[in-house]
């Protein structure tokens, strides 16, 4: 079986670009979003609109979702007009939201019960990766479903890997977010140190970003910090959600993660000070008050 008719639910900063790349790759797209205005550019390019996730599911062979929070995922899949209300044997659902591993397993079991399959496939790469089809995709679920979905992943990403059964993609994304959380603090502290030492932070950044200190955050987000550009590629409020999931999972495994706990505390402070709708690079505001 080759997938051709694809549904897409969730057209935010990431989803809209991912859906556009699927269309560029030749897939027939049917979309749904709570706010139809977010779909206008896709509709103008030839995508079809459906009035509910269930209707999208009926129109498609496979449906991709990328929404905000686990509660949104739950509603999109299990709600009265959710995907499972329109599901049929042989169909595939792929949740690319960063969400709960337990919820991913629940979705997988329900899809299997109804004669289809599910994958959890959260992504990393932010708004730039979504636009340029250079996302890293972390996948959990059956290998046969993964193979079927590979052309979709190829249209949206640069790397995709099956990590294990349902929930494994989400656990991998938690590891990714844990690494980013502590790294983001390090980037902010490095720039604050350079500034306080009387150096030109931009020149320092040019020296250190290509060496052992280099990272995506250092190369892509640190320049935004220095410009005072805190527009969201990935929202602070969504990063707080991700860190909360990771901390919950760590507690269940009796694993101590002090770096993640500190990052979570700092980002919650940033949100309390009005930064929840900023991009994650806005953590720099706590280190450079003049950037507020």
Protein backbone atom coordinates (compact mmCIF):
# COMPACT_ATOMS: atom_id res chain seq x y z
CA UNK A 1 0.00 0.00 0.00
CA UNK A 2 1.19 3.48 -0.89
CA UNK A 3 -0.31 6.42 0.95
CA UNK A 4 -1.69 9.22 -1.17
CA UNK A 5 -4.63 10.86 0.64
CA UNK A 6 -3.38 12.44 3.85
CA UNK A 7 -5.23 14.29 6.58
CA UNK A 8 -3.60 16.93 8.75
CA UNK A 9 -4.98 18.24 12.04
CA UNK A 10 -3.28 21.19 13.78
CA UNK A 11 -2.03 24.12 11.71
CA UNK A 12 0.05 26.15 14.12
CA UNK A 13 3.59 27.45 13.61
CA UNK A 14 4.92 23.95 12.95
CA UNK A 15 1.92 22.18 11.47
CA UNK A 16 1.19 24.68 8.72
CA UNK A 17 4.73 24.40 7.32
CA UNK A 18 4.75 20.60 7.64
CA UNK A 19 1.43 20.34 5.81
CA UNK A 20 2.72 22.63 3.05
CA UNK A 21 5.74 20.38 2.55
CA UNK A 22 3.48 17.34 2.22
CA UNK A 23 1.59 19.13 -0.54
CA UNK A 24 4.85 20.06 -2.27
CA UNK A 25 5.75 16.36 -2.23
CA UNK A 26 2.54 15.54 -4.09
CA UNK A 27 0.26 14.24 -1.35
CA UNK A 28 -3.45 15.08 -1.50
CA UNK A 29 -4.25 16.93 1.71
CA UNK A 30 -7.41 17.36 3.77
CA UNK A 31 -7.00 19.64 6.79
CA UNK A 32 -8.72 20.72 9.98
CA UNK A 33 -7.80 23.33 12.57
CA UNK A 34 -9.84 24.93 15.34
CA UNK A 35 -9.30 28.28 13.59
CA UNK A 36 -9.98 27.95 9.88
CA UNK A 37 -8.05 31.14 9.09
CA UNK A 38 -4.82 29.23 9.80
CA UNK A 39 -5.61 26.98 6.83
CA UNK A 40 -6.15 29.74 4.26
CA UNK A 41 -2.78 29.48 2.51
CA UNK A 42 -3.07 25.69 2.31
CA UNK A 43 -6.62 25.88 0.97
CA UNK A 44 -5.49 28.40 -1.63
CA UNK A 45 -2.82 25.89 -2.70
CA UNK A 46 -5.35 23.11 -3.20
CA UNK A 47 -5.90 21.46 0.18
CA UNK A 48 -9.44 20.41 1.11
CA UNK A 49 -11.14 21.45 4.33
CA UNK A 50 -13.13 19.26 6.73
CA UNK A 51 -15.16 20.48 9.68
CA UNK A 52 -13.91 17.97 12.27
CA UNK A 53 -11.10 15.49 12.89
CA UNK A 54 -13.59 12.66 12.27
CA UNK A 55 -14.37 14.07 8.81
CA UNK A 56 -10.66 14.37 8.04
CA UNK A 57 -10.20 10.73 9.03
CA UNK A 58 -12.99 9.61 6.72
CA UNK A 59 -11.41 11.46 3.79
CA UNK A 60 -7.86 10.18 4.30
CA UNK A 61 -5.82 7.00 4.36
CA UNK A 62 -3.56 8.40 7.08
CA UNK A 63 -3.93 11.40 9.37
CA UNK A 64 -1.14 13.40 10.99
CA UNK A 65 -1.81 15.45 14.13
CA UNK A 66 0.31 18.11 15.79
CA UNK A 67 -1.56 20.10 18.43
CA UNK A 68 -0.69 21.82 21.70
CA UNK A 69 -1.13 19.73 24.82
CA UNK A 70 -1.89 16.11 25.79
CA UNK A 71 -5.46 17.20 26.60
CA UNK A 72 -5.77 18.46 23.01
CA UNK A 73 -4.44 15.15 21.68
CA UNK A 74 -6.98 13.29 23.82
CA UNK A 75 -9.83 15.40 22.42
CA UNK A 76 -8.65 15.14 18.80
CA UNK A 77 -8.49 11.36 18.99
CA UNK A 78 -11.16 10.32 21.49
CA UNK A 79 -13.65 13.22 21.36
CA UNK A 80 -17.18 12.91 20.02
CA UNK A 81 -15.99 14.18 16.61
CA UNK A 82 -12.45 12.92 17.05
CA UNK A 83 -10.36 10.80 14.72
CA UNK A 84 -11.52 7.49 16.13
CA UNK A 85 -15.13 8.46 15.36
CA UNK A 86 -14.16 8.39 11.68
CA UNK A 87 -11.61 5.59 11.83
CA UNK A 88 -11.83 2.43 9.70
CA UNK A 89 -9.77 -0.77 9.32
CA UNK A 90 -6.51 -0.28 7.45
CA UNK A 91 -6.10 3.39 8.35
CA UNK A 92 -3.11 4.98 10.06
CA UNK A 93 -2.83 7.85 12.55
CA UNK A 94 0.44 9.60 13.34
CA UNK A 95 0.62 11.94 16.32
CA UNK A 96 3.54 14.34 15.94
CA UNK A 97 2.63 16.38 19.02
CA UNK A 98 5.09 16.18 21.90
CA UNK A 99 2.82 14.40 24.33
CA UNK A 100 2.58 11.70 26.99
CA UNK A 101 4.11 8.27 26.30
CA UNK A 102 1.14 6.71 28.12
CA UNK A 103 -1.30 8.53 25.86
CA UNK A 104 0.67 7.37 22.81
CA UNK A 105 0.26 3.77 23.98
CA UNK A 106 -3.47 4.34 24.53
CA UNK A 107 -3.86 5.69 20.99
CA UNK A 108 -1.88 2.78 19.56
CA UNK A 109 -4.01 0.21 21.36
CA UNK A 110 -7.26 1.85 20.19
CA UNK A 111 -6.11 2.07 16.58
CA UNK A 112 -5.14 -1.61 16.66
CA UNK A 113 -8.50 -2.50 18.23
CA UNK A 114 -10.27 -0.75 15.33
CA UNK A 115 -8.23 -2.61 12.71
CA UNK A 116 -5.66 0.07 11.94
CA UNK A 117 -2.34 1.32 13.30
CA UNK A 118 -0.82 4.32 15.05
CA UNK A 119 2.59 5.91 15.41
CA UNK A 120 3.82 8.52 17.85
CA UNK A 121 6.31 10.68 15.98
CA UNK A 122 7.26 13.91 17.77
CA UNK A 123 9.72 16.20 16.03
CA UNK A 124 12.68 18.45 16.73
CA UNK A 125 13.95 21.34 14.63
CA UNK A 126 11.59 24.20 15.43
CA UNK A 127 10.00 26.57 12.96
CA UNK A 128 13.08 26.62 10.72
CA UNK A 129 13.19 22.82 10.50
CA UNK A 130 9.47 22.69 9.74
CA UNK A 131 9.73 25.26 6.94
CA UNK A 132 12.82 23.71 5.37
CA UNK A 133 11.64 20.07 5.76
CA UNK A 134 14.66 19.35 7.96
CA UNK A 135 12.92 18.03 11.06
CA UNK A 136 14.27 15.16 13.12
CA UNK A 137 11.43 12.70 13.67
CA UNK A 138 11.41 10.27 16.60
CA UNK A 139 9.02 7.37 16.06
CA UNK A 140 7.31 4.77 18.23
CA UNK A 141 5.06 2.00 16.93
CA UNK A 142 4.98 -1.10 14.70
CA UNK A 143 7.71 -1.43 12.08
CA UNK A 144 5.23 -2.08 9.25
CA UNK A 145 3.41 1.17 10.01
CA UNK A 146 6.75 2.99 10.21
CA UNK A 147 7.73 1.70 6.76
CA UNK A 148 4.37 2.80 5.34
CA UNK A 149 4.81 6.28 6.79
CA UNK A 150 8.41 6.82 5.64
CA UNK A 151 7.46 8.79 2.47
CA UNK A 152 5.54 11.20 4.71
CA UNK A 153 8.49 11.60 7.04
CA UNK A 154 10.77 12.15 4.04
CA UNK A 155 8.57 15.05 2.92
CA UNK A 156 8.83 16.76 6.31
CA UNK A 157 12.19 15.81 7.76
CA UNK A 158 15.86 15.09 7.26
CA UNK A 159 16.06 12.18 9.69
CA UNK A 160 13.53 9.70 11.02
CA UNK A 161 14.16 6.68 13.17
CA UNK A 162 12.01 3.98 14.76
CA UNK A 163 12.85 3.90 18.47
CA UNK A 164 10.58 1.08 19.66
CA UNK A 165 6.94 0.37 20.36
CA UNK A 166 4.15 2.89 21.10
CA UNK A 167 5.44 5.64 23.37
CA UNK A 168 9.10 5.20 22.41
CA UNK A 169 8.98 8.24 20.14
CA UNK A 170 7.66 10.35 22.99
CA UNK A 171 10.30 9.07 25.41
CA UNK A 172 12.98 9.93 22.82
CA UNK A 173 11.55 13.43 22.49
CA UNK A 174 11.68 13.80 26.27
CA UNK A 175 15.41 12.99 26.12
CA UNK A 176 15.74 15.65 23.41
CA UNK A 177 13.93 18.27 25.49
CA UNK A 178 15.98 17.45 28.58
CA UNK A 179 19.18 18.10 26.62
CA UNK A 180 17.80 21.36 25.18
CA UNK A 181 16.62 22.63 28.58
CA UNK A 182 20.05 22.56 30.22
CA UNK A 183 21.77 23.68 27.01
CA UNK A 184 19.52 26.74 26.77
CA UNK A 185 20.55 27.81 30.26
CA UNK A 186 24.20 27.37 29.26
CA UNK A 187 23.78 29.51 26.13
CA UNK A 188 22.12 32.31 28.11
CA UNK A 189 24.76 32.19 30.82
CA UNK A 190 27.59 32.25 28.27
CA UNK A 191 26.19 35.37 26.60
CA UNK A 192 25.53 37.04 29.95
CA UNK A 193 29.09 36.26 31.06
CA UNK A 194 30.56 37.66 27.83
CA UNK A 195 28.53 40.86 28.16
CA UNK A 196 29.41 41.35 31.84
CA UNK A 197 33.10 40.78 31.10
CA UNK A 198 33.01 43.70 28.68
CA UNK A 199 33.20 41.59 25.53
CA UNK A 200 31.12 41.88 22.36
CA UNK A 201 28.70 38.94 22.72
CA UNK A 202 28.26 38.69 18.96
CA UNK A 203 31.97 38.30 18.40
CA UNK A 204 32.20 35.77 21.24
CA UNK A 205 29.35 33.85 19.66
CA UNK A 206 31.23 33.69 16.35
CA UNK A 207 34.19 32.13 18.16
CA UNK A 208 32.44 29.57 20.32
CA UNK A 209 29.48 28.40 18.21
CA UNK A 210 31.68 26.40 15.83
CA UNK A 211 33.62 24.57 18.54
CA UNK A 212 32.82 22.15 21.32
CA UNK A 213 30.18 24.53 22.73
CA UNK A 214 28.24 24.47 19.47
CA UNK A 215 24.58 23.45 19.38
CA UNK A 216 21.35 24.24 17.56
CA UNK A 217 20.47 26.72 20.29
CA UNK A 218 23.88 28.38 20.07
CA UNK A 219 23.77 28.73 16.27
CA UNK A 220 20.10 29.49 15.70
CA UNK A 221 18.66 30.96 18.88
CA UNK A 222 21.57 32.87 20.44
CA UNK A 223 21.64 35.38 17.54
CA UNK A 224 17.93 35.99 18.11
CA UNK A 225 18.60 36.55 21.81
CA UNK A 226 21.19 39.22 21.04
CA UNK A 227 18.82 40.98 18.63
CA UNK A 228 16.01 40.95 21.18
CA UNK A 229 13.99 38.77 18.79
CA UNK A 230 11.77 36.59 20.96
CA UNK A 231 9.16 35.66 18.36
CA UNK A 232 8.11 32.04 18.83
CA UNK A 233 9.59 29.27 16.78
CA UNK A 234 8.60 27.13 19.73
CA UNK A 235 6.48 28.62 22.50
CA UNK A 236 7.68 28.91 26.09
CA UNK A 237 4.29 27.56 27.23
CA UNK A 238 4.74 24.44 25.11
CA UNK A 239 8.30 23.91 26.36
CA UNK A 240 7.00 24.10 29.93
CA UNK A 241 4.45 21.44 28.98
CA UNK A 242 7.21 19.21 27.59
CA UNK A 243 9.42 19.63 30.65
CA UNK A 244 6.46 18.79 32.86
CA UNK A 245 5.88 15.53 30.98
CA UNK A 246 9.58 14.68 31.20
CA UNK A 247 9.68 15.39 34.94
CA UNK A 248 6.58 13.25 35.51
CA UNK A 249 8.15 10.38 33.57
CA UNK A 250 11.43 10.79 35.48
CA UNK A 251 9.61 10.66 38.82
CA UNK A 252 7.82 7.47 37.76
CA UNK A 253 11.24 5.98 36.96
CA UNK A 254 12.70 7.36 40.21
CA UNK A 255 15.27 9.35 38.22
CA UNK A 256 16.69 12.64 39.56
CA UNK A 257 17.17 15.35 36.89
CA UNK A 258 18.38 18.52 38.66
CA UNK A 259 19.24 20.38 35.44
CA UNK A 260 15.74 19.86 34.07
CA UNK A 261 14.20 20.88 37.39
CA UNK A 262 16.13 24.17 37.33
CA UNK A 263 15.23 24.89 33.70
CA UNK A 264 11.56 24.18 34.46
CA UNK A 265 11.69 26.59 37.40
CA UNK A 266 13.28 29.35 35.29
CA UNK A 267 10.87 28.95 32.38
CA UNK A 268 7.89 29.00 34.74
CA UNK A 269 9.25 32.26 36.18
CA UNK A 270 9.55 33.64 32.64
CA UNK A 271 5.94 32.65 31.92
CA UNK A 272 4.75 34.24 35.16
CA UNK A 273 6.45 37.48 34.04
CA UNK A 274 4.45 37.47 30.81
CA UNK A 275 6.68 35.43 28.51
CA UNK A 276 4.58 32.31 27.95
CA UNK A 277 3.86 33.20 24.30
CA UNK A 278 7.48 34.08 23.51
CA UNK A 279 9.90 31.67 21.87
CA UNK A 280 12.13 29.55 24.08
CA UNK A 281 15.09 31.89 23.40
CA UNK A 282 13.30 34.43 25.60
CA UNK A 283 14.91 32.75 28.60
CA UNK A 284 17.68 35.29 27.92
CA UNK A 285 15.40 37.99 29.35
CA UNK A 286 16.09 36.61 32.83
CA UNK A 287 19.82 37.10 32.24
CA UNK A 288 19.57 40.42 30.34
CA UNK A 289 16.75 42.47 31.88
CA UNK A 290 17.32 45.26 29.34
CA UNK A 291 15.94 42.88 26.69
CA UNK A 292 12.48 42.87 28.32
